[in-house]
Amino acid sequence: MRIRKQVWVAGIILLVIALVAGLWLWKQSAADQLEIVSDAPDFTLQNLEGKDVTFSDLKGKTKIVEFIFTNCPDVCPTTTAQLVQIQKQLKEDGLFGKDVEFVTITFDPERDTPEVLKKHAEAMGIDQNGWSILRGDVATTKKVVEDYWVYAEKQPDGSFIHSSRSLFLIDEKNQIRKIYSMGEEMPREEILADIKTLEKGFFSF
């Protein structure tokens, strides 16, 4: 009887190990389906408190990076509003701020002062505990925008014509994994699913 019990316990242990290994392999396979686009360019900008934030410091988290300007009449606020909905869902899952960070970068630093951006964050429902809002001087901002292949051309009236694909999924190794459309065409459920695929808090080994 003792030998039979030991065999039974060993079988259960092997089954548990196989199940955990299978789930890990499934997670790795799902993550691999999100091809690496390129390494995310590093940069240093300032947060709303005026402190330097270097993007490489955010390694270890899955990130969504959006490029906006607060005077945008349609695409930018629509995108941010949808990200706020994703923020809500990630909070419910205990991921927001811990495993996932959102980053908003303005390409209109002349008008988007820290005070303007603070009011924007409050009005939109942005939780800055897991959402960095960054700005820089004009020259630095221009370089960051170009490094991320974002088109943003200032117009005589101060507005911007900008590309609608300015929303990036970046993994914990700071590799760009996907670029999404913004505004009404933003695939919110797809983005949430992709974030959950990449976030590394699903299992710890």
N, C-alpha and C. Protein backbone atom coordinates (compact mmCIF):
# COMPACT_ATOMS: atom_id res chain seq x y z
N MET A 1 0.83 -1.22 0.00
CA MET A 1 0.00 0.00 0.00
C MET A 1 0.86 1.26 0.00
N ARG A 2 1.97 1.22 0.76
CA ARG A 2 2.83 2.41 0.83
C ARG A 2 3.44 2.71 -0.54
N ILE A 3 3.87 1.63 -1.25
CA ILE A 3 4.47 1.84 -2.57
C ILE A 3 3.44 2.39 -3.54
N ARG A 4 2.21 1.86 -3.48
CA ARG A 4 1.14 2.34 -4.35
C ARG A 4 0.84 3.81 -4.09
N LYS A 5 0.85 4.21 -2.82
CA LYS A 5 0.61 5.61 -2.47
C LYS A 5 1.71 6.51 -2.99
N GLN A 6 2.96 6.04 -2.87
CA GLN A 6 4.10 6.83 -3.36
C GLN A 6 4.02 7.01 -4.88
N VAL A 7 3.62 5.94 -5.57
CA VAL A 7 3.46 6.03 -7.03
C VAL A 7 2.36 7.03 -7.39
N TRP A 8 1.27 6.99 -6.63
CA TRP A 8 0.15 7.90 -6.87
C TRP A 8 0.58 9.35 -6.65
N VAL A 9 1.32 9.63 -5.57
CA VAL A 9 1.80 10.98 -5.28
C VAL A 9 2.76 11.45 -6.36
N ALA A 10 3.66 10.55 -6.78
CA ALA A 10 4.61 10.91 -7.84
C ALA A 10 3.89 11.24 -9.13
N GLY A 11 2.83 10.47 -9.40
CA GLY A 11 2.05 10.74 -10.62
C GLY A 11 1.39 12.10 -10.58
N ILE A 12 0.85 12.46 -9.43
CA ILE A 12 0.21 13.77 -9.27
C ILE A 12 1.24 14.89 -9.46
N ILE A 13 2.43 14.71 -8.88
CA ILE A 13 3.48 15.72 -9.00
C ILE A 13 3.89 15.91 -10.46
N LEU A 14 4.06 14.78 -11.16
CA LEU A 14 4.43 14.85 -12.58
C LEU A 14 3.34 15.52 -13.41
N LEU A 15 2.08 15.26 -13.07
CA LEU A 15 0.97 15.87 -13.78
C LEU A 15 0.97 17.38 -13.58
N VAL A 16 1.21 17.83 -12.34
CA VAL A 16 1.26 19.26 -12.04
C VAL A 16 2.41 19.93 -12.79
N ILE A 17 3.58 19.26 -12.79
CA ILE A 17 4.74 19.81 -13.50
C ILE A 17 4.44 19.93 -14.99
N ALA A 18 3.81 18.89 -15.56
CA ALA A 18 3.48 18.91 -16.99
C ALA A 18 2.48 20.02 -17.30
N LEU A 19 1.51 20.23 -16.41
CA LEU A 19 0.51 21.28 -16.62
C LEU A 19 1.14 22.66 -16.58
N VAL A 20 1.99 22.91 -15.59
CA VAL A 20 2.67 24.20 -15.47
C VAL A 20 3.57 24.43 -16.68
N ALA A 21 4.33 23.40 -17.08
CA ALA A 21 5.21 23.53 -18.24
C ALA A 21 4.41 23.81 -19.51
N GLY A 22 3.28 23.13 -19.65
CA GLY A 22 2.44 23.35 -20.83
C GLY A 22 1.90 24.77 -20.89
N LEU A 23 1.46 25.29 -19.73
CA LEU A 23 0.95 26.65 -19.69
C LEU A 23 2.06 27.66 -19.98
N TRP A 24 3.25 27.40 -19.48
CA TRP A 24 4.39 28.29 -19.76
C TRP A 24 4.72 28.29 -21.24
N LEU A 25 4.75 27.12 -21.85
CA LEU A 25 5.04 27.03 -23.29
C LEU A 25 3.96 27.72 -24.10
N TRP A 26 2.70 27.58 -23.65
CA TRP A 26 1.60 28.25 -24.35
C TRP A 26 1.76 29.76 -24.29
N LYS A 27 2.13 30.26 -23.12
CA LYS A 27 2.32 31.70 -22.96
C LYS A 27 3.47 32.18 -23.85
N GLN A 28 4.58 31.41 -23.87
CA GLN A 28 5.71 31.81 -24.69
C GLN A 28 5.35 31.80 -26.16
N SER A 29 4.58 30.80 -26.58
CA SER A 29 4.17 30.71 -27.98
C SER A 29 3.29 31.88 -28.37
N ALA A 30 2.36 32.28 -27.47
CA ALA A 30 1.48 33.41 -27.76
C ALA A 30 2.28 34.70 -27.87
N ALA A 31 3.26 34.87 -26.98
CA ALA A 31 4.08 36.08 -27.02
C ALA A 31 4.91 36.13 -28.30
N ASP A 32 5.39 34.96 -28.74
CA ASP A 32 6.21 34.92 -29.94
C ASP A 32 5.43 35.32 -31.19
N GLN A 33 4.11 35.20 -31.14
CA GLN A 33 3.30 35.59 -32.30
C GLN A 33 3.31 37.10 -32.51
N LEU A 34 3.65 37.84 -31.48
CA LEU A 34 3.80 39.29 -31.62
C LEU A 34 5.24 39.57 -32.02
N GLU A 35 5.45 39.73 -33.31
CA GLU A 35 6.81 39.88 -33.81
C GLU A 35 7.46 41.15 -33.29
N ILE A 36 8.78 41.10 -33.16
CA ILE A 36 9.54 42.28 -32.74
C ILE A 36 9.69 43.21 -33.94
N VAL A 37 9.19 44.42 -33.83
CA VAL A 37 9.31 45.40 -34.91
C VAL A 37 10.72 45.98 -34.91
N SER A 38 11.16 46.44 -33.74
CA SER A 38 12.50 46.98 -33.57
C SER A 38 12.71 47.28 -32.09
N ASP A 39 13.93 47.62 -31.72
CA ASP A 39 14.16 48.13 -30.38
C ASP A 39 13.51 49.51 -30.27
N ALA A 40 12.95 49.81 -29.11
CA ALA A 40 12.36 51.12 -28.89
C ALA A 40 13.47 52.14 -28.66
N PRO A 41 13.50 53.23 -29.42
CA PRO A 41 14.55 54.24 -29.21
C PRO A 41 14.50 54.80 -27.79
N ASP A 42 15.65 54.96 -27.20
CA ASP A 42 15.71 55.52 -25.85
C ASP A 42 15.64 57.05 -25.92
N PHE A 43 15.23 57.65 -24.84
CA PHE A 43 15.16 59.11 -24.77
C PHE A 43 15.06 59.54 -23.32
N THR A 44 15.29 60.81 -23.09
CA THR A 44 15.08 61.40 -21.77
C THR A 44 14.19 62.63 -21.93
N LEU A 45 13.04 62.61 -21.27
CA LEU A 45 12.11 63.75 -21.26
C LEU A 45 11.77 64.06 -19.81
N GLN A 46 10.93 65.05 -19.60
CA GLN A 46 10.57 65.44 -18.23
C GLN A 46 9.11 65.07 -17.94
N ASN A 47 8.88 64.65 -16.70
CA ASN A 47 7.50 64.40 -16.28
C ASN A 47 6.86 65.70 -15.82
N LEU A 48 5.67 65.62 -15.30
CA LEU A 48 4.94 66.84 -14.94
C LEU A 48 5.50 67.52 -13.69
N GLU A 49 6.40 66.85 -13.01
CA GLU A 49 7.08 67.46 -11.87
C GLU A 49 8.42 68.05 -12.28
N GLY A 50 8.74 67.97 -13.56
CA GLY A 50 10.00 68.51 -14.07
C GLY A 50 11.20 67.60 -13.89
N LYS A 51 10.96 66.35 -13.49
CA LYS A 51 12.05 65.40 -13.29
C LYS A 51 12.32 64.62 -14.57
N ASP A 52 13.60 64.35 -14.82
CA ASP A 52 13.98 63.58 -16.00
C ASP A 52 13.48 62.14 -15.90
N VAL A 53 12.93 61.67 -17.00
CA VAL A 53 12.51 60.28 -17.12
C VAL A 53 13.20 59.71 -18.35
N THR A 54 14.03 58.70 -18.15
CA THR A 54 14.69 58.03 -19.26
C THR A 54 13.92 56.76 -19.58
N PHE A 55 13.60 56.59 -20.85
CA PHE A 55 12.70 55.50 -21.23
C PHE A 55 13.27 54.13 -20.85
N SER A 56 14.57 53.97 -20.95
CA SER A 56 15.18 52.68 -20.60
C SER A 56 14.96 52.32 -19.14
N ASP A 57 14.66 53.31 -18.30
CA ASP A 57 14.38 53.04 -16.88
C ASP A 57 13.07 52.27 -16.69
N LEU A 58 12.23 52.27 -17.74
CA LEU A 58 10.94 51.58 -17.64
C LEU A 58 11.02 50.13 -18.09
N LYS A 59 12.24 49.64 -18.31
CA LYS A 59 12.39 48.22 -18.64
C LYS A 59 11.80 47.36 -17.52
N GLY A 60 11.26 46.23 -17.91
CA GLY A 60 10.65 45.35 -16.93
C GLY A 60 9.14 45.44 -16.92
N LYS A 61 8.58 46.38 -17.66
CA LYS A 61 7.13 46.53 -17.76
C LYS A 61 6.71 46.51 -19.23
N THR A 62 5.50 46.02 -19.46
CA THR A 62 4.87 46.20 -20.76
C THR A 62 4.36 47.63 -20.82
N LYS A 63 4.53 48.27 -21.98
CA LYS A 63 4.19 49.70 -22.08
C LYS A 63 3.34 49.99 -23.32
N ILE A 64 2.44 50.94 -23.16
CA ILE A 64 1.75 51.54 -24.30
C ILE A 64 2.21 52.99 -24.36
N VAL A 65 2.73 53.40 -25.52
CA VAL A 65 3.22 54.77 -25.70
C VAL A 65 2.37 55.46 -26.75
N GLU A 66 1.81 56.62 -26.40
CA GLU A 66 1.04 57.40 -27.36
C GLU A 66 1.68 58.78 -27.53
N PHE A 67 1.60 59.31 -28.75
CA PHE A 67 2.06 60.66 -29.07
C PHE A 67 0.83 61.50 -29.37
N ILE A 68 0.70 62.64 -28.67
CA ILE A 68 -0.50 63.47 -28.80
C ILE A 68 -0.15 64.94 -28.70
N PHE A 69 -1.16 65.80 -28.91
CA PHE A 69 -1.11 67.18 -28.44
C PHE A 69 -2.50 67.50 -27.91
N THR A 70 -2.58 68.25 -26.82
CA THR A 70 -3.86 68.40 -26.12
C THR A 70 -4.86 69.26 -26.86
N ASN A 71 -4.40 70.06 -27.83
CA ASN A 71 -5.33 70.87 -28.60
C ASN A 71 -5.92 70.11 -29.79
N CYS A 72 -5.57 68.85 -29.92
CA CYS A 72 -6.11 68.01 -30.98
C CYS A 72 -7.63 67.91 -30.82
N PRO A 73 -8.39 68.13 -31.88
CA PRO A 73 -9.85 68.14 -31.75
C PRO A 73 -10.51 66.78 -31.80
N ASP A 74 -9.81 65.74 -32.21
CA ASP A 74 -10.50 64.46 -32.41
C ASP A 74 -9.66 63.23 -32.09
N VAL A 75 -8.64 62.94 -32.92
CA VAL A 75 -7.92 61.67 -32.82
C VAL A 75 -7.27 61.47 -31.45
N CYS A 76 -6.54 62.47 -30.98
CA CYS A 76 -5.79 62.33 -29.72
C CYS A 76 -6.71 62.11 -28.51
N PRO A 77 -7.71 62.96 -28.28
CA PRO A 77 -8.56 62.72 -27.11
C PRO A 77 -9.36 61.42 -27.19
N THR A 78 -9.74 61.03 -28.41
CA THR A 78 -10.45 59.76 -28.57
C THR A 78 -9.56 58.59 -28.18
N THR A 79 -8.30 58.67 -28.59
CA THR A 79 -7.34 57.62 -28.25
C THR A 79 -7.11 57.55 -26.75
N THR A 80 -6.86 58.70 -26.12
CA THR A 80 -6.61 58.72 -24.69
C THR A 80 -7.82 58.22 -23.91
N ALA A 81 -9.02 58.59 -24.36
CA ALA A 81 -10.23 58.13 -23.69
C ALA A 81 -10.34 56.60 -23.73
N GLN A 82 -9.96 56.01 -24.85
CA GLN A 82 -10.01 54.55 -24.95
C GLN A 82 -8.92 53.90 -24.09
N LEU A 83 -7.77 54.55 -24.01
CA LEU A 83 -6.72 54.04 -23.12
C LEU A 83 -7.15 54.09 -21.66
N VAL A 84 -7.92 55.09 -21.32
CA VAL A 84 -8.44 55.19 -19.94
C VAL A 84 -9.36 53.99 -19.64
N GLN A 85 -10.11 53.55 -20.66
CA GLN A 85 -10.94 52.36 -20.47
C GLN A 85 -10.08 51.11 -20.28
N ILE A 86 -8.99 51.02 -21.03
CA ILE A 86 -8.06 49.91 -20.85
C ILE A 86 -7.40 49.99 -19.47
N GLN A 87 -7.07 51.21 -19.05
CA GLN A 87 -6.52 51.45 -17.72
C GLN A 87 -7.45 50.87 -16.66
N LYS A 88 -8.73 51.10 -16.80
CA LYS A 88 -9.72 50.60 -15.85
C LYS A 88 -9.70 49.08 -15.79
N GLN A 89 -9.64 48.45 -16.96
CA GLN A 89 -9.65 46.98 -17.00
C GLN A 89 -8.35 46.40 -16.41
N LEU A 90 -7.24 47.04 -16.70
CA LEU A 90 -5.97 46.57 -16.15
C LEU A 90 -5.92 46.74 -14.63
N LYS A 91 -6.54 47.78 -14.13
CA LYS A 91 -6.62 47.95 -12.68
C LYS A 91 -7.40 46.80 -12.04
N GLU A 92 -8.50 46.42 -12.68
CA GLU A 92 -9.31 45.33 -12.16
C GLU A 92 -8.51 44.03 -12.11
N ASP A 93 -7.58 43.88 -13.04
CA ASP A 93 -6.74 42.68 -13.09
C ASP A 93 -5.47 42.81 -12.24
N GLY A 94 -5.29 43.96 -11.61
CA GLY A 94 -4.11 44.17 -10.75
C GLY A 94 -2.82 44.34 -11.51
N LEU A 95 -2.90 44.78 -12.76
CA LEU A 95 -1.71 44.90 -13.60
C LEU A 95 -1.24 46.33 -13.79
N PHE A 96 -2.15 47.28 -13.73
CA PHE A 96 -1.82 48.66 -14.07
C PHE A 96 -0.86 49.27 -13.05
N GLY A 97 0.24 49.81 -13.54
CA GLY A 97 1.24 50.42 -12.68
C GLY A 97 2.26 49.43 -12.15
N LYS A 98 1.87 48.20 -11.98
CA LYS A 98 2.78 47.17 -11.47
C LYS A 98 3.50 46.46 -12.61
N ASP A 99 2.74 45.95 -13.55
CA ASP A 99 3.31 45.24 -14.70
C ASP A 99 3.17 46.02 -16.00
N VAL A 100 2.27 46.99 -16.01
CA VAL A 100 1.97 47.73 -17.24
C VAL A 100 2.05 49.22 -16.96
N GLU A 101 2.71 49.95 -17.85
CA GLU A 101 2.85 51.41 -17.73
C GLU A 101 2.38 52.05 -19.04
N PHE A 102 1.60 53.10 -18.92
CA PHE A 102 1.23 53.91 -20.09
C PHE A 102 2.13 55.14 -20.12
N VAL A 103 2.47 55.57 -21.33
CA VAL A 103 3.32 56.75 -21.50
C VAL A 103 2.70 57.64 -22.56
N THR A 104 2.44 58.89 -22.21
CA THR A 104 1.95 59.89 -23.16
C THR A 104 3.04 60.92 -23.39
N ILE A 105 3.34 61.17 -24.67
CA ILE A 105 4.36 62.17 -25.03
C ILE A 105 3.69 63.23 -25.90
N THR A 106 3.81 64.47 -25.50
CA THR A 106 3.27 65.55 -26.32
C THR A 106 4.29 66.00 -27.35
N PHE A 107 3.82 66.21 -28.58
CA PHE A 107 4.71 66.79 -29.59
C PHE A 107 4.43 68.28 -29.78
N ASP A 108 3.75 68.88 -28.77
CA ASP A 108 3.48 70.32 -28.78
C ASP A 108 3.89 70.93 -27.44
N PRO A 109 5.18 70.85 -27.10
CA PRO A 109 5.60 71.29 -25.77
C PRO A 109 5.44 72.79 -25.53
N GLU A 110 5.38 73.57 -26.59
CA GLU A 110 5.22 75.02 -26.41
C GLU A 110 3.87 75.35 -25.79
N ARG A 111 2.84 74.66 -26.20
CA ARG A 111 1.50 74.91 -25.63
C ARG A 111 1.16 73.93 -24.52
N ASP A 112 1.69 72.72 -24.61
CA ASP A 112 1.41 71.72 -23.59
C ASP A 112 2.41 71.86 -22.44
N THR A 113 2.18 72.86 -21.64
CA THR A 113 3.01 73.09 -20.45
C THR A 113 2.64 72.07 -19.38
N PRO A 114 3.43 71.92 -18.34
CA PRO A 114 3.06 70.99 -17.26
C PRO A 114 1.67 71.28 -16.68
N GLU A 115 1.33 72.57 -16.55
CA GLU A 115 0.03 72.92 -16.01
C GLU A 115 -1.10 72.46 -16.93
N VAL A 116 -0.91 72.67 -18.24
CA VAL A 116 -1.92 72.25 -19.22
C VAL A 116 -2.06 70.73 -19.20
N LEU A 117 -0.94 70.03 -19.13
CA LEU A 117 -0.98 68.57 -19.14
C LEU A 117 -1.59 68.00 -17.86
N LYS A 118 -1.37 68.67 -16.74
CA LYS A 118 -1.98 68.22 -15.49
C LYS A 118 -3.50 68.33 -15.57
N LYS A 119 -3.99 69.44 -16.12
CA LYS A 119 -5.44 69.62 -16.28
C LYS A 119 -6.00 68.59 -17.27
N HIS A 120 -5.23 68.32 -18.31
CA HIS A 120 -5.64 67.32 -19.30
C HIS A 120 -5.75 65.95 -18.65
N ALA A 121 -4.76 65.58 -17.85
CA ALA A 121 -4.77 64.27 -17.18
C ALA A 121 -5.97 64.14 -16.26
N GLU A 122 -6.25 65.19 -15.52
CA GLU A 122 -7.39 65.17 -14.59
C GLU A 122 -8.71 65.06 -15.35
N ALA A 123 -8.83 65.83 -16.42
CA ALA A 123 -10.07 65.84 -17.20
C ALA A 123 -10.32 64.49 -17.88
N MET A 124 -9.25 63.82 -18.30
CA MET A 124 -9.39 62.56 -19.03
C MET A 124 -9.52 61.36 -18.10
N GLY A 125 -9.20 61.53 -16.82
CA GLY A 125 -9.27 60.41 -15.90
C GLY A 125 -8.01 59.56 -15.88
N ILE A 126 -6.88 60.18 -16.20
CA ILE A 126 -5.60 59.47 -16.21
C ILE A 126 -5.09 59.28 -14.79
N ASP A 127 -4.71 58.05 -14.46
CA ASP A 127 -4.13 57.75 -13.15
C ASP A 127 -2.61 57.76 -13.31
N GLN A 128 -1.97 58.79 -12.79
CA GLN A 128 -0.53 58.95 -12.97
C GLN A 128 0.30 58.00 -12.12
N ASN A 129 -0.35 57.16 -11.33
CA ASN A 129 0.40 56.13 -10.60
C ASN A 129 0.93 55.05 -11.55
N GLY A 130 0.35 54.99 -12.75
CA GLY A 130 0.83 54.02 -13.72
C GLY A 130 0.86 54.60 -15.13
N TRP A 131 0.87 55.92 -15.20
CA TRP A 131 0.77 56.59 -16.51
C TRP A 131 1.67 57.82 -16.48
N SER A 132 2.76 57.77 -17.22
CA SER A 132 3.70 58.89 -17.27
C SER A 132 3.33 59.83 -18.41
N ILE A 133 3.28 61.12 -18.11
CA ILE A 133 3.02 62.14 -19.13
C ILE A 133 4.29 62.95 -19.28
N LEU A 134 4.85 62.95 -20.48
CA LEU A 134 6.19 63.49 -20.68
C LEU A 134 6.23 64.59 -21.73
N ARG A 135 7.17 65.50 -21.54
CA ARG A 135 7.39 66.57 -22.49
C ARG A 135 8.88 66.93 -22.47
N GLY A 136 9.31 67.66 -23.50
CA GLY A 136 10.69 68.11 -23.55
C GLY A 136 10.76 69.44 -24.28
N ASP A 137 11.94 69.93 -24.51
CA ASP A 137 12.04 71.14 -25.31
C ASP A 137 11.74 70.79 -26.77
N VAL A 138 11.62 71.80 -27.61
CA VAL A 138 11.19 71.58 -28.98
C VAL A 138 12.15 70.67 -29.73
N ALA A 139 13.45 70.92 -29.60
CA ALA A 139 14.44 70.14 -30.34
C ALA A 139 14.45 68.67 -29.89
N THR A 140 14.41 68.45 -28.59
CA THR A 140 14.42 67.07 -28.08
C THR A 140 13.15 66.34 -28.49
N THR A 141 12.02 67.03 -28.38
CA THR A 141 10.75 66.44 -28.76
C THR A 141 10.76 66.04 -30.23
N LYS A 142 11.27 66.91 -31.07
CA LYS A 142 11.32 66.64 -32.52
C LYS A 142 12.11 65.36 -32.80
N LYS A 143 13.22 65.19 -32.09
CA LYS A 143 14.04 64.00 -32.31
C LYS A 143 13.32 62.74 -31.85
N VAL A 144 12.67 62.79 -30.69
CA VAL A 144 11.94 61.62 -30.20
C VAL A 144 10.83 61.24 -31.17
N VAL A 145 10.09 62.24 -31.65
CA VAL A 145 9.00 61.99 -32.60
C VAL A 145 9.54 61.33 -33.86
N GLU A 146 10.62 61.84 -34.38
CA GLU A 146 11.21 61.27 -35.60
C GLU A 146 11.76 59.87 -35.36
N ASP A 147 12.38 59.65 -34.20
CA ASP A 147 12.94 58.33 -33.88
C ASP A 147 11.87 57.25 -33.84
N TYR A 148 10.64 57.65 -33.51
CA TYR A 148 9.52 56.70 -33.45
C TYR A 148 8.68 56.71 -34.72
N TRP A 149 9.22 57.32 -35.78
CA TRP A 149 8.57 57.35 -37.10
C TRP A 149 7.19 58.00 -37.07
N VAL A 150 7.00 58.92 -36.15
CA VAL A 150 5.72 59.64 -36.06
C VAL A 150 5.82 60.92 -36.88
N TYR A 151 4.83 61.14 -37.70
CA TYR A 151 4.78 62.37 -38.50
C TYR A 151 3.94 63.39 -37.75
N ALA A 152 4.52 64.55 -37.46
CA ALA A 152 3.80 65.62 -36.77
C ALA A 152 4.32 66.95 -37.31
N GLU A 153 3.52 67.60 -38.13
CA GLU A 153 3.94 68.86 -38.76
C GLU A 153 3.10 70.02 -38.24
N LYS A 154 3.77 70.98 -37.65
CA LYS A 154 3.07 72.14 -37.09
C LYS A 154 2.57 73.05 -38.20
N GLN A 155 1.34 73.52 -38.02
CA GLN A 155 0.70 74.39 -38.99
C GLN A 155 0.78 75.85 -38.55
N PRO A 156 0.57 76.79 -39.47
CA PRO A 156 0.65 78.22 -39.12
C PRO A 156 -0.25 78.63 -37.96
N ASP A 157 -1.38 77.94 -37.80
CA ASP A 157 -2.31 78.29 -36.72
C ASP A 157 -1.95 77.62 -35.39
N GLY A 158 -0.83 76.88 -35.38
CA GLY A 158 -0.40 76.24 -34.15
C GLY A 158 -0.86 74.81 -33.99
N SER A 159 -1.78 74.38 -34.85
CA SER A 159 -2.24 72.99 -34.79
C SER A 159 -1.22 72.07 -35.47
N PHE A 160 -1.49 70.77 -35.45
CA PHE A 160 -0.58 69.79 -36.05
C PHE A 160 -1.32 68.86 -36.99
N ILE A 161 -0.71 68.59 -38.11
CA ILE A 161 -1.11 67.44 -38.92
C ILE A 161 -0.20 66.30 -38.49
N HIS A 162 -0.80 65.18 -38.09
CA HIS A 162 0.04 64.10 -37.57
C HIS A 162 -0.48 62.75 -38.02
N SER A 163 0.40 61.77 -37.99
CA SER A 163 0.05 60.42 -38.40
C SER A 163 -0.92 59.80 -37.40
N SER A 164 -1.77 58.95 -37.90
CA SER A 164 -2.77 58.30 -37.04
C SER A 164 -2.24 57.03 -36.40
N ARG A 165 -1.09 56.55 -36.88
CA ARG A 165 -0.46 55.36 -36.28
C ARG A 165 0.67 55.82 -35.36
N SER A 166 0.29 56.30 -34.21
CA SER A 166 1.25 56.84 -33.24
C SER A 166 1.05 56.24 -31.87
N LEU A 167 0.71 54.95 -31.86
CA LEU A 167 0.40 54.24 -30.62
C LEU A 167 1.19 52.93 -30.63
N PHE A 168 2.06 52.75 -29.65
CA PHE A 168 3.04 51.68 -29.68
C PHE A 168 2.89 50.72 -28.50
N LEU A 169 2.96 49.42 -28.80
CA LEU A 169 3.05 48.40 -27.76
C LEU A 169 4.51 48.01 -27.62
N ILE A 170 5.05 48.15 -26.41
CA ILE A 170 6.48 47.91 -26.16
C ILE A 170 6.61 46.94 -25.00
N ASP A 171 7.42 45.90 -25.20
CA ASP A 171 7.51 44.86 -24.18
C ASP A 171 8.47 45.22 -23.06
N GLU A 172 8.65 44.27 -22.13
CA GLU A 172 9.47 44.55 -20.94
C GLU A 172 10.95 44.71 -21.27
N LYS A 173 11.35 44.27 -22.46
CA LYS A 173 12.74 44.45 -22.88
C LYS A 173 12.93 45.71 -23.73
N ASN A 174 11.89 46.52 -23.77
CA ASN A 174 11.88 47.76 -24.56
C ASN A 174 12.04 47.48 -26.06
N GLN A 175 11.27 46.49 -26.52
CA GLN A 175 11.18 46.17 -27.94
C GLN A 175 9.78 46.50 -28.42
N ILE A 176 9.69 47.22 -29.53
CA ILE A 176 8.38 47.54 -30.11
C ILE A 176 7.80 46.27 -30.70
N ARG A 177 6.59 45.91 -30.27
CA ARG A 177 5.96 44.68 -30.74
C ARG A 177 4.79 44.93 -31.68
N LYS A 178 4.21 46.14 -31.60
CA LYS A 178 3.07 46.43 -32.46
C LYS A 178 2.84 47.94 -32.51
N ILE A 179 2.31 48.41 -33.64
CA ILE A 179 1.94 49.82 -33.80
C ILE A 179 0.47 49.85 -34.22
N TYR A 180 -0.33 50.64 -33.49
CA TYR A 180 -1.77 50.64 -33.71
C TYR A 180 -2.26 51.96 -34.30
N SER A 181 -3.42 51.88 -34.93
CA SER A 181 -4.12 53.08 -35.36
C SER A 181 -4.72 53.76 -34.13
N MET A 182 -4.87 55.08 -34.23
CA MET A 182 -5.44 55.85 -33.13
C MET A 182 -6.87 56.26 -33.48
N GLY A 183 -7.49 57.00 -32.57
CA GLY A 183 -8.82 57.53 -32.83
C GLY A 183 -9.90 56.47 -32.85
N GLU A 184 -10.90 56.66 -33.68
CA GLU A 184 -12.03 55.74 -33.74
C GLU A 184 -11.63 54.36 -34.26
N GLU A 185 -10.52 54.29 -35.00
CA GLU A 185 -10.07 53.01 -35.54
C GLU A 185 -9.17 52.24 -34.56
N MET A 186 -8.94 52.79 -33.40
CA MET A 186 -8.08 52.13 -32.41
C MET A 186 -8.72 50.81 -31.97
N PRO A 187 -7.99 49.69 -32.09
CA PRO A 187 -8.54 48.37 -31.73
C PRO A 187 -8.40 48.08 -30.24
N ARG A 188 -9.28 48.62 -29.44
CA ARG A 188 -9.11 48.59 -27.98
C ARG A 188 -9.01 47.17 -27.42
N GLU A 189 -9.90 46.29 -27.84
CA GLU A 189 -9.89 44.93 -27.30
C GLU A 189 -8.64 44.18 -27.74
N GLU A 190 -8.18 44.43 -28.96
CA GLU A 190 -6.95 43.80 -29.43
C GLU A 190 -5.75 44.27 -28.61
N ILE A 191 -5.72 45.57 -28.31
CA ILE A 191 -4.62 46.11 -27.51
C ILE A 191 -4.61 45.49 -26.12
N LEU A 192 -5.78 45.40 -25.50
CA LEU A 192 -5.86 44.80 -24.17
C LEU A 192 -5.38 43.35 -24.20
N ALA A 193 -5.80 42.61 -25.22
CA ALA A 193 -5.37 41.22 -25.34
C ALA A 193 -3.87 41.11 -25.55
N ASP A 194 -3.31 42.01 -26.36
CA ASP A 194 -1.87 42.00 -26.61
C ASP A 194 -1.08 42.34 -25.34
N ILE A 195 -1.59 43.29 -24.57
CA ILE A 195 -0.93 43.64 -23.31
C ILE A 195 -0.90 42.42 -22.39
N LYS A 196 -2.01 41.73 -22.28
CA LYS A 196 -2.08 40.58 -21.39
C LYS A 196 -1.20 39.44 -21.89
N THR A 197 -1.00 39.37 -23.18
CA THR A 197 -0.09 38.36 -23.73
C THR A 197 1.34 38.65 -23.32
N LEU A 198 1.72 39.93 -23.37
CA LEU A 198 3.10 40.29 -23.10
C LEU A 198 3.44 40.44 -21.62
N GLU A 199 2.47 40.86 -20.83
CA GLU A 199 2.82 41.14 -19.43
C GLU A 199 3.33 39.87 -18.76
N LYS A 200 4.34 40.03 -17.96
CA LYS A 200 5.04 38.87 -17.43
C LYS A 200 4.60 38.49 -16.02
N GLY A 201 3.48 39.03 -15.58
CA GLY A 201 3.01 38.68 -14.25
C GLY A 201 2.09 37.50 -14.23
N PHE A 202 1.87 36.83 -15.41
CA PHE A 202 0.94 35.72 -15.49
C PHE A 202 1.41 34.53 -14.67
N PHE A 203 2.72 34.21 -14.80
CA PHE A 203 3.33 33.18 -13.97
C PHE A 203 4.69 33.67 -13.54
N SER A 204 5.13 33.31 -12.39
CA SER A 204 6.47 33.61 -11.93
C SER A 204 7.21 32.31 -11.69
N PHE A 205 8.41 32.19 -12.23
CA PHE A 205 9.23 31.01 -12.07
C PHE A 205 10.53 31.37 -11.40
